[in-house]
């Protein structure tokens, strides 16, 4: 079936096709869908101003540069982790994080990384499960920065301690949890966070919007076609549901839920309730 994209989605599609991803600009595209008054240029300019205020205080010593960024972001501007309402969707939209100065680890990391990039201080995201971190890419400097906790500088045992607090003392730790991730992987994790937040709220229209972005970013990831197809099904967008679910079955011929999904289109005109059961069993897993 023909595809149509909003203006923000067209911009997103353009940005992710570039050799170097403008992460802030891309992250602001879904924000425009939710907040039509969002001005991406103004928010990117805000990041420019933050970096300009820090620039006179940066140092040839990486730890002093981290201290200068931390002081300005957390002490002077008051950025902080949202401890009260962690799963508020606004914590995952860059425009709202910049406006309210609260967020979750990945969006606070996004602000930090964008500021560091403007300061030409090399840093990358670290996709540790459950708690996003950052690290400077400076030779012989194996430290990590926790954007959710005032930019605290950590070593690997500190990161393991955070991981075990989240998942329990017997959870298996892997050194690869501290591997740097690409800007696209960071963006995918941010969008997946939003997808799960909206799914848990049973907010299907907003889930659908986020899935549209995920499929632009990761068109060959079968699970996103399945999830969007099931959301379309629940919203009674039956032709769109059929298209996405058929694509999923073609992409994942050995999928464990293949029988459930393949039976669904034949039921969609006769009974709504079986589709609700499949939705609950598969997408709200």
C-alpha atoms as a PDB file:
ATOM      1  CA  UNK A   1       0.000   0.000   0.000  1.00  0.00           C
ATOM      2  CA  UNK A   2       1.266   3.573  -0.650  1.00  0.00           C
ATOM      3  CA  UNK A   3       3.179   5.234   2.133  1.00  0.00           C
ATOM      4  CA  UNK A   4       2.636   8.780   3.302  1.00  0.00           C
ATOM      5  CA  UNK A   5       4.883  10.648   5.699  1.00  0.00           C
ATOM      6  CA  UNK A   6       4.332  13.705   7.831  1.00  0.00           C
ATOM      7  CA  UNK A   7       6.668  16.643   7.316  1.00  0.00           C
ATOM      8  CA  UNK A   8       8.554  15.692  10.499  1.00  0.00           C
ATOM      9  CA  UNK A   9       8.899  12.099   9.278  1.00  0.00           C
ATOM     10  CA  UNK A  10      10.196  13.288   5.918  1.00  0.00           C
ATOM     11  CA  UNK A  11      12.807  15.371   7.752  1.00  0.00           C
ATOM     12  CA  UNK A  12      13.718  12.365   9.913  1.00  0.00           C
ATOM     13  CA  UNK A  13      14.060  10.164   6.835  1.00  0.00           C
ATOM     14  CA  UNK A  14      16.432  12.712   5.296  1.00  0.00           C
ATOM     15  CA  UNK A  15      18.526  13.070   8.459  1.00  0.00           C
ATOM     16  CA  UNK A  16      19.079   9.360   9.055  1.00  0.00           C
ATOM     17  CA  UNK A  17      20.232   8.934   5.444  1.00  0.00           C
ATOM     18  CA  UNK A  18      23.125  11.388   5.901  1.00  0.00           C
ATOM     19  CA  UNK A  19      26.703  10.066   6.353  1.00  0.00           C
ATOM     20  CA  UNK A  20      26.907  11.822   9.733  1.00  0.00           C
ATOM     21  CA  UNK A  21      23.748  11.778  11.810  1.00  0.00           C
ATOM     22  CA  UNK A  22      22.650  15.046  13.404  1.00  0.00           C
ATOM     23  CA  UNK A  23      21.367  13.325  16.525  1.00  0.00           C
ATOM     24  CA  UNK A  24      19.658  16.307  18.129  1.00  0.00           C
ATOM     25  CA  UNK A  25      17.829  17.250  14.926  1.00  0.00           C
ATOM     26  CA  UNK A  26      16.686  13.653  14.412  1.00  0.00           C
ATOM     27  CA  UNK A  27      15.506  13.315  18.020  1.00  0.00           C
ATOM     28  CA  UNK A  28      13.460  16.495  17.636  1.00  0.00           C
ATOM     29  CA  UNK A  29      11.442  15.085  14.703  1.00  0.00           C
ATOM     30  CA  UNK A  30       9.096  12.895  16.791  1.00  0.00           C
ATOM     31  CA  UNK A  31       8.866  15.767  19.261  1.00  0.00           C
ATOM     32  CA  UNK A  32       7.379  17.885  16.476  1.00  0.00           C
ATOM     33  CA  UNK A  33       4.633  15.276  16.029  1.00  0.00           C
ATOM     34  CA  UNK A  34       3.652  15.508  19.691  1.00  0.00           C
ATOM     35  CA  UNK A  35       4.344  19.229  20.115  1.00  0.00           C
ATOM     36  CA  UNK A  36       3.479  21.126  16.902  1.00  0.00           C
ATOM     37  CA  UNK A  37       4.888  24.329  18.420  1.00  0.00           C
ATOM     38  CA  UNK A  38       8.323  22.691  18.807  1.00  0.00           C
ATOM     39  CA  UNK A  39      10.994  24.686  16.961  1.00  0.00           C
ATOM     40  CA  UNK A  40      13.960  22.354  16.285  1.00  0.00           C
ATOM     41  CA  UNK A  41      16.221  25.226  15.206  1.00  0.00           C
ATOM     42  CA  UNK A  42      15.607  27.063  18.483  1.00  0.00           C
ATOM     43  CA  UNK A  43      16.395  23.968  20.546  1.00  0.00           C
ATOM     44  CA  UNK A  44      19.584  23.282  18.593  1.00  0.00           C
ATOM     45  CA  UNK A  45      20.526  26.918  19.148  1.00  0.00           C
ATOM     46  CA  UNK A  46      19.906  26.399  22.874  1.00  0.00           C
ATOM     47  CA  UNK A  47      22.488  23.603  22.806  1.00  0.00           C
ATOM     48  CA  UNK A  48      24.872  25.975  21.000  1.00  0.00           C
ATOM     49  CA  UNK A  49      24.435  28.569  23.764  1.00  0.00           C
ATOM     50  CA  UNK A  50      25.047  25.983  26.505  1.00  0.00           C
ATOM     51  CA  UNK A  51      28.291  24.903  24.833  1.00  0.00           C
ATOM     52  CA  UNK A  52      29.384  28.507  24.311  1.00  0.00           C
ATOM     53  CA  UNK A  53      28.967  29.216  28.025  1.00  0.00           C
ATOM     54  CA  UNK A  54      31.155  26.240  28.926  1.00  0.00           C
ATOM     55  CA  UNK A  55      33.859  26.799  26.311  1.00  0.00           C
ATOM     56  CA  UNK A  56      35.951  29.302  28.312  1.00  0.00           C
ATOM     57  CA  UNK A  57      36.227  26.754  31.129  1.00  0.00           C
ATOM     58  CA  UNK A  58      37.320  23.658  29.208  1.00  0.00           C
ATOM     59  CA  UNK A  59      40.769  22.258  29.824  1.00  0.00           C
ATOM     60  CA  UNK A  60      43.420  20.155  28.150  1.00  0.00           C
ATOM     61  CA  UNK A  61      42.744  17.652  30.934  1.00  0.00           C
ATOM     62  CA  UNK A  62      39.659  15.515  30.124  1.00  0.00           C
ATOM     63  CA  UNK A  63      38.477  15.188  33.724  1.00  0.00           C
ATOM     64  CA  UNK A  64      38.527  18.967  34.169  1.00  0.00           C
ATOM     65  CA  UNK A  65      36.470  19.358  31.003  1.00  0.00           C
ATOM     66  CA  UNK A  66      33.947  16.867  32.380  1.00  0.00           C
ATOM     67  CA  UNK A  67      33.850  18.854  35.620  1.00  0.00           C
ATOM     68  CA  UNK A  68      33.232  22.076  33.662  1.00  0.00           C
ATOM     69  CA  UNK A  69      30.359  20.509  31.692  1.00  0.00           C
ATOM     70  CA  UNK A  70      28.907  19.007  34.872  1.00  0.00           C
ATOM     71  CA  UNK A  71      29.078  22.287  36.752  1.00  0.00           C
ATOM     72  CA  UNK A  72      27.262  24.224  34.044  1.00  0.00           C
ATOM     73  CA  UNK A  73      24.608  21.599  33.231  1.00  0.00           C
ATOM     74  CA  UNK A  74      23.799  20.393  36.725  1.00  0.00           C
ATOM     75  CA  UNK A  75      24.729  23.243  39.066  1.00  0.00           C
ATOM     76  CA  UNK A  76      24.137  26.382  37.016  1.00  0.00           C
ATOM     77  CA  UNK A  77      21.311  25.189  34.740  1.00  0.00           C
ATOM     78  CA  UNK A  78      19.810  22.646  37.138  1.00  0.00           C
ATOM     79  CA  UNK A  79      19.479  19.634  34.846  1.00  0.00           C
ATOM     80  CA  UNK A  80      18.574  16.516  36.818  1.00  0.00           C
ATOM     81  CA  UNK A  81      17.210  13.009  36.542  1.00  0.00           C
ATOM     82  CA  UNK A  82      13.461  12.700  36.978  1.00  0.00           C
ATOM     83  CA  UNK A  83      13.239  10.576  40.118  1.00  0.00           C
ATOM     84  CA  UNK A  84       9.543  11.301  40.702  1.00  0.00           C
ATOM     85  CA  UNK A  85       7.911  10.368  37.377  1.00  0.00           C
ATOM     86  CA  UNK A  86      10.518   8.350  35.495  1.00  0.00           C
ATOM     87  CA  UNK A  87       8.062   7.036  32.864  1.00  0.00           C
ATOM     88  CA  UNK A  88       6.563  10.394  31.937  1.00  0.00           C
ATOM     89  CA  UNK A  89       6.835  10.525  28.105  1.00  0.00           C
ATOM     90  CA  UNK A  90       8.144  14.092  28.351  1.00  0.00           C
ATOM     91  CA  UNK A  91      11.364  12.666  29.799  1.00  0.00           C
ATOM     92  CA  UNK A  92      12.041  11.134  26.369  1.00  0.00           C
ATOM     93  CA  UNK A  93      11.450  14.198  24.194  1.00  0.00           C
ATOM     94  CA  UNK A  94      14.512  16.389  23.751  1.00  0.00           C
ATOM     95  CA  UNK A  95      12.505  19.616  23.511  1.00  0.00           C
ATOM     96  CA  UNK A  96      10.802  18.951  26.852  1.00  0.00           C
ATOM     97  CA  UNK A  97      14.067  17.919  28.516  1.00  0.00           C
ATOM     98  CA  UNK A  98      15.624  21.205  27.424  1.00  0.00           C
ATOM     99  CA  UNK A  99      12.572  23.176  28.575  1.00  0.00           C
ATOM    100  CA  UNK A 100      12.019  21.450  31.934  1.00  0.00           C
ATOM    101  CA  UNK A 101      15.677  20.442  32.527  1.00  0.00           C
ATOM    102  CA  UNK A 102      14.700  16.979  33.727  1.00  0.00           C
ATOM    103  CA  UNK A 103      14.960  13.683  31.915  1.00  0.00           C
ATOM    104  CA  UNK A 104      15.993  10.060  31.987  1.00  0.00           C
ATOM    105  CA  UNK A 105      19.552   8.786  31.473  1.00  0.00           C
ATOM    106  CA  UNK A 106      19.389   8.554  27.683  1.00  0.00           C
ATOM    107  CA  UNK A 107      17.932  12.019  27.064  1.00  0.00           C
ATOM    108  CA  UNK A 108      20.242  13.677  29.576  1.00  0.00           C
ATOM    109  CA  UNK A 109      23.069  11.835  27.825  1.00  0.00           C
ATOM    110  CA  UNK A 110      21.808  13.205  24.520  1.00  0.00           C
ATOM    111  CA  UNK A 111      22.031  16.761  25.852  1.00  0.00           C
ATOM    112  CA  UNK A 112      25.498  16.060  27.289  1.00  0.00           C
ATOM    113  CA  UNK A 113      26.789  14.434  24.087  1.00  0.00           C
ATOM    114  CA  UNK A 114      25.514  17.273  21.935  1.00  0.00           C
ATOM    115  CA  UNK A 115      27.201  19.823  24.176  1.00  0.00           C
ATOM    116  CA  UNK A 116      30.449  17.811  24.190  1.00  0.00           C
ATOM    117  CA  UNK A 117      30.374  17.589  20.400  1.00  0.00           C
ATOM    118  CA  UNK A 118      30.067  21.371  20.140  1.00  0.00           C
ATOM    119  CA  UNK A 119      33.062  21.663  22.467  1.00  0.00           C
ATOM    120  CA  UNK A 120      35.003  19.181  20.312  1.00  0.00           C
ATOM    121  CA  UNK A 121      35.349  16.955  23.353  1.00  0.00           C
ATOM    122  CA  UNK A 122      35.078  13.340  22.118  1.00  0.00           C
ATOM    123  CA  UNK A 123      32.383  11.328  23.917  1.00  0.00           C
ATOM    124  CA  UNK A 124      30.119   8.419  22.970  1.00  0.00           C
ATOM    125  CA  UNK A 125      27.001   6.835  24.379  1.00  0.00           C
ATOM    126  CA  UNK A 126      27.230   3.575  26.315  1.00  0.00           C
ATOM    127  CA  UNK A 127      24.111   1.431  26.109  1.00  0.00           C
ATOM    128  CA  UNK A 128      24.328  -0.411  29.406  1.00  0.00           C
ATOM    129  CA  UNK A 129      21.027  -2.250  30.028  1.00  0.00           C
ATOM    130  CA  UNK A 130      18.674  -0.291  32.246  1.00  0.00           C
ATOM    131  CA  UNK A 131      20.863   2.779  32.672  1.00  0.00           C
ATOM    132  CA  UNK A 132      22.399   4.698  29.778  1.00  0.00           C
ATOM    133  CA  UNK A 133      25.916   6.043  30.333  1.00  0.00           C
ATOM    134  CA  UNK A 134      28.607   7.891  28.384  1.00  0.00           C
ATOM    135  CA  UNK A 135      32.365   7.692  28.112  1.00  0.00           C
ATOM    136  CA  UNK A 136      35.052  10.008  26.769  1.00  0.00           C
ATOM    137  CA  UNK A 137      36.941   8.479  23.861  1.00  0.00           C
ATOM    138  CA  UNK A 138      40.297   9.525  25.180  1.00  0.00           C
ATOM    139  CA  UNK A 139      43.160   7.064  24.988  1.00  0.00           C
ATOM    140  CA  UNK A 140      43.950   5.251  28.248  1.00  0.00           C
ATOM    141  CA  UNK A 141      40.980   6.816  30.033  1.00  0.00           C
ATOM    142  CA  UNK A 142      38.550   4.037  31.011  1.00  0.00           C
ATOM    143  CA  UNK A 143      35.965   6.115  32.854  1.00  0.00           C
ATOM    144  CA  UNK A 144      32.222   6.492  32.409  1.00  0.00           C
ATOM    145  CA  UNK A 145      29.873   9.392  33.069  1.00  0.00           C
ATOM    146  CA  UNK A 146      26.403   8.985  34.572  1.00  0.00           C
ATOM    147  CA  UNK A 147      24.181  11.727  33.116  1.00  0.00           C
ATOM    148  CA  UNK A 148      21.270  10.858  35.426  1.00  0.00           C
ATOM    149  CA  UNK A 149      23.328  11.451  38.571  1.00  0.00           C
ATOM    150  CA  UNK A 150      24.891  14.862  38.060  1.00  0.00           C
ATOM    151  CA  UNK A 151      27.547  13.588  35.639  1.00  0.00           C
ATOM    152  CA  UNK A 152      29.164  11.349  38.264  1.00  0.00           C
ATOM    153  CA  UNK A 153      32.408   9.794  37.019  1.00  0.00           C
ATOM    154  CA  UNK A 154      32.397   5.994  37.288  1.00  0.00           C
ATOM    155  CA  UNK A 155      34.752   3.093  36.824  1.00  0.00           C
ATOM    156  CA  UNK A 156      33.704  -0.356  35.604  1.00  0.00           C
ATOM    157  CA  UNK A 157      32.982  -1.742  39.110  1.00  0.00           C
ATOM    158  CA  UNK A 158      30.686   1.248  39.727  1.00  0.00           C
ATOM    159  CA  UNK A 159      28.802   0.467  36.507  1.00  0.00           C
ATOM    160  CA  UNK A 160      28.449  -3.161  37.561  1.00  0.00           C
ATOM    161  CA  UNK A 161      27.048  -2.029  40.899  1.00  0.00           C
ATOM    162  CA  UNK A 162      24.368   0.038  39.138  1.00  0.00           C
ATOM    163  CA  UNK A 163      23.533  -2.917  36.907  1.00  0.00           C
ATOM    164  CA  UNK A 164      23.159  -5.272  39.883  1.00  0.00           C
ATOM    165  CA  UNK A 165      20.988  -2.778  41.755  1.00  0.00           C
ATOM    166  CA  UNK A 166      18.651  -2.785  38.772  1.00  0.00           C
ATOM    167  CA  UNK A 167      18.624  -6.500  37.938  1.00  0.00           C
ATOM    168  CA  UNK A 168      19.641  -8.211  41.159  1.00  0.00           C
ATOM    169  CA  UNK A 169      22.951  -9.437  42.553  1.00  0.00           C
ATOM    170  CA  UNK A 170      22.860 -12.685  40.552  1.00  0.00           C
ATOM    171  CA  UNK A 171      22.284 -11.076  37.164  1.00  0.00           C
ATOM    172  CA  UNK A 172      25.030 -11.967  34.706  1.00  0.00           C
ATOM    173  CA  UNK A 173      27.363  -9.103  33.884  1.00  0.00           C
ATOM    174  CA  UNK A 174      29.047  -8.797  30.479  1.00  0.00           C
ATOM    175  CA  UNK A 175      31.901  -6.460  29.662  1.00  0.00           C
ATOM    176  CA  UNK A 176      30.159  -5.735  26.340  1.00  0.00           C
ATOM    177  CA  UNK A 177      27.480  -3.838  28.274  1.00  0.00           C
ATOM    178  CA  UNK A 178      29.980  -0.977  28.398  1.00  0.00           C
ATOM    179  CA  UNK A 179      30.680  -0.965  24.673  1.00  0.00           C
ATOM    180  CA  UNK A 180      30.068   2.339  22.861  1.00  0.00           C
ATOM    181  CA  UNK A 181      26.971   2.499  20.671  1.00  0.00           C
ATOM    182  CA  UNK A 182      26.347   4.394  17.461  1.00  0.00           C
ATOM    183  CA  UNK A 183      24.154   7.486  17.230  1.00  0.00           C
ATOM    184  CA  UNK A 184      21.529   5.452  15.334  1.00  0.00           C
ATOM    185  CA  UNK A 185      21.518   2.827  18.085  1.00  0.00           C
ATOM    186  CA  UNK A 186      21.022   5.581  20.662  1.00  0.00           C
ATOM    187  CA  UNK A 187      18.121   6.955  18.639  1.00  0.00           C
ATOM    188  CA  UNK A 188      16.586   3.474  18.338  1.00  0.00           C
ATOM    189  CA  UNK A 189      16.806   2.959  22.097  1.00  0.00           C
ATOM    190  CA  UNK A 190      15.168   6.324  22.713  1.00  0.00           C
ATOM    191  CA  UNK A 191      12.291   5.475  20.355  1.00  0.00           C
ATOM    192  CA  UNK A 192      11.894   2.005  21.860  1.00  0.00           C
ATOM    193  CA  UNK A 193      11.604   3.576  25.307  1.00  0.00           C
ATOM    194  CA  UNK A 194       8.755   5.751  24.030  1.00  0.00           C
ATOM    195  CA  UNK A 195       7.080   2.809  22.323  1.00  0.00           C
ATOM    196  CA  UNK A 196       7.045   0.821  25.564  1.00  0.00           C
ATOM    197  CA  UNK A 197       5.810   3.804  27.595  1.00  0.00           C
ATOM    198  CA  UNK A 198       2.862   4.346  25.249  1.00  0.00           C
ATOM    199  CA  UNK A 199       2.090   0.629  25.023  1.00  0.00           C
ATOM    200  CA  UNK A 200       1.982   0.337  28.798  1.00  0.00           C
ATOM    201  CA  UNK A 201      -0.427   3.273  28.840  1.00  0.00           C
ATOM    202  CA  UNK A 202      -2.524   1.612  26.091  1.00  0.00           C
ATOM    203  CA  UNK A 203      -2.030   4.839  24.119  1.00  0.00           C
ATOM    204  CA  UNK A 204      -2.217   3.295  20.660  1.00  0.00           C
ATOM    205  CA  UNK A 205      -2.249   6.454  18.485  1.00  0.00           C
ATOM    206  CA  UNK A 206       1.026   7.646  20.030  1.00  0.00           C
ATOM    207  CA  UNK A 207       2.457   4.116  19.883  1.00  0.00           C
ATOM    208  CA  UNK A 208       1.698   4.091  16.172  1.00  0.00           C
ATOM    209  CA  UNK A 209       3.506   7.394  15.646  1.00  0.00           C
ATOM    210  CA  UNK A 210       6.646   6.110  17.367  1.00  0.00           C
ATOM    211  CA  UNK A 211       6.513   2.833  15.418  1.00  0.00           C
ATOM    212  CA  UNK A 212       6.450   4.844  12.196  1.00  0.00           C
ATOM    213  CA  UNK A 213       9.773   6.384  13.240  1.00  0.00           C
ATOM    214  CA  UNK A 214      11.231   3.041  14.289  1.00  0.00           C
ATOM    215  CA  UNK A 215      10.390   1.559  10.899  1.00  0.00           C
ATOM    216  CA  UNK A 216      12.018   4.477   9.124  1.00  0.00           C
ATOM    217  CA  UNK A 217      15.140   3.949  11.236  1.00  0.00           C
ATOM    218  CA  UNK A 218      15.107   0.132  11.277  1.00  0.00           C
ATOM    219  CA  UNK A 219      13.089  -0.990   8.235  1.00  0.00           C
ATOM    220  CA  UNK A 220      14.395  -4.547   8.346  1.00  0.00           C
ATOM    221  CA  UNK A 221      13.631  -5.278  11.994  1.00  0.00           C
ATOM    222  CA  UNK A 222      10.644  -7.654  11.773  1.00  0.00           C
ATOM    223  CA  UNK A 223       9.277  -7.041  15.251  1.00  0.00           C
ATOM    224  CA  UNK A 224       8.454  -3.429  14.457  1.00  0.00           C
ATOM    225  CA  UNK A 225       6.324  -4.437  11.468  1.00  0.00           C
ATOM    226  CA  UNK A 226       4.514  -6.942  13.662  1.00  0.00           C
ATOM    227  CA  UNK A 227       3.921  -4.393  16.421  1.00  0.00           C
ATOM    228  CA  UNK A 228       2.702  -1.726  14.021  1.00  0.00           C
ATOM    229  CA  UNK A 229       0.436  -4.238  12.325  1.00  0.00           C
ATOM    230  CA  UNK A 230      -1.130  -5.213  15.643  1.00  0.00           C
ATOM    231  CA  UNK A 231      -1.575  -1.573  16.632  1.00  0.00           C
ATOM    232  CA  UNK A 232      -3.206  -0.856  13.273  1.00  0.00           C
ATOM    233  CA  UNK A 233      -5.442  -3.864  13.891  1.00  0.00           C
ATOM    234  CA  UNK A 234      -6.576  -2.547  17.253  1.00  0.00           C
ATOM    235  CA  UNK A 235      -7.241   0.859  15.696  1.00  0.00           C
ATOM    236  CA  UNK A 236      -9.296  -0.858  12.961  1.00  0.00           C
ATOM    237  CA  UNK A 237      -6.898   0.246  10.214  1.00  0.00           C
ATOM    238  CA  UNK A 238      -7.391  -3.151   8.643  1.00  0.00           C
ATOM    239  CA  UNK A 239      -5.634  -2.726   5.293  1.00  0.00           C
ATOM    240  CA  UNK A 240      -2.581  -1.217   6.986  1.00  0.00           C
ATOM    241  CA  UNK A 241      -2.625  -4.036   9.555  1.00  0.00           C
ATOM    242  CA  UNK A 242      -2.714  -6.690   6.836  1.00  0.00           C
ATOM    243  CA  UNK A 243       0.175  -5.061   4.960  1.00  0.00           C
ATOM    244  CA  UNK A 244       2.420  -4.842   8.038  1.00  0.00           C
ATOM    245  CA  UNK A 245       1.622  -8.346   9.263  1.00  0.00           C
ATOM    246  CA  UNK A 246       2.246  -9.879   5.844  1.00  0.00           C
ATOM    247  CA  UNK A 247       5.579  -8.038   5.717  1.00  0.00           C
ATOM    248  CA  UNK A 248       6.432  -9.405   9.172  1.00  0.00           C
ATOM    249  CA  UNK A 249       5.638 -12.983   8.129  1.00  0.00           C
ATOM    250  CA  UNK A 250       7.775 -12.598   5.007  1.00  0.00           C
ATOM    251  CA  UNK A 251      10.685 -11.164   7.032  1.00  0.00           C
ATOM    252  CA  UNK A 252      10.479 -13.755   9.828  1.00  0.00           C
ATOM    253  CA  UNK A 253       9.299 -17.077   8.346  1.00  0.00           C
ATOM    254  CA  UNK A 254      10.447 -18.993  11.442  1.00  0.00           C
ATOM    255  CA  UNK A 255       8.897 -16.617  13.992  1.00  0.00           C
ATOM    256  CA  UNK A 256       7.449 -18.435  17.040  1.00  0.00           C
ATOM    257  CA  UNK A 257       4.243 -16.405  16.818  1.00  0.00           C
ATOM    258  CA  UNK A 258       3.795 -17.092  13.095  1.00  0.00           C
ATOM    259  CA  UNK A 259       0.659 -19.220  13.543  1.00  0.00           C
ATOM    260  CA  UNK A 260      -1.046 -16.628  15.741  1.00  0.00           C
ATOM    261  CA  UNK A 261      -0.238 -13.809  13.351  1.00  0.00           C
ATOM    262  CA  UNK A 262      -1.131 -15.710  10.175  1.00  0.00           C
ATOM    263  CA  UNK A 263      -4.578 -16.558  11.570  1.00  0.00           C
ATOM    264  CA  UNK A 264      -5.295 -12.979  12.630  1.00  0.00           C
ATOM    265  CA  UNK A 265      -6.199 -11.398   9.257  1.00  0.00           C
ATOM    266  CA  UNK A 266      -8.880 -14.041   8.601  1.00  0.00           C
ATOM    267  CA  UNK A 267     -10.568 -13.132  11.902  1.00  0.00           C
ATOM    268  CA  UNK A 268     -10.405  -9.376  11.659  1.00  0.00           C
ATOM    269  CA  UNK A 269     -13.749  -8.863   9.913  1.00  0.00           C
ATOM    270  CA  UNK A 270     -15.634 -11.376  12.054  1.00  0.00           C
ATOM    271  CA  UNK A 271     -14.599 -10.732  15.629  1.00  0.00           C
ATOM    272  CA  UNK A 272     -12.650  -8.032  17.423  1.00  0.00           C
ATOM    273  CA  UNK A 273     -11.962  -9.928  20.617  1.00  0.00           C
ATOM    274  CA  UNK A 274      -9.512 -12.599  19.268  1.00  0.00           C
ATOM    275  CA  UNK A 275      -7.364  -9.797  17.927  1.00  0.00           C
ATOM    276  CA  UNK A 276      -7.362  -8.202  21.372  1.00  0.00           C
ATOM    277  CA  UNK A 277      -6.107 -11.492  22.831  1.00  0.00           C
ATOM    278  CA  UNK A 278      -3.301 -11.715  20.289  1.00  0.00           C
ATOM    279  CA  UNK A 279      -2.390  -8.082  20.970  1.00  0.00           C
ATOM    280  CA  UNK A 280      -2.188  -8.725  24.715  1.00  0.00           C
ATOM    281  CA  UNK A 281      -0.179 -11.944  24.308  1.00  0.00           C
ATOM    282  CA  UNK A 282       2.311 -10.646  21.756  1.00  0.00           C
ATOM    283  CA  UNK A 283       2.735  -6.895  21.851  1.00  0.00           C
ATOM    284  CA  UNK A 284       2.206  -6.403  25.603  1.00  0.00           C
ATOM    285  CA  UNK A 285       4.639  -9.144  26.479  1.00  0.00           C
END
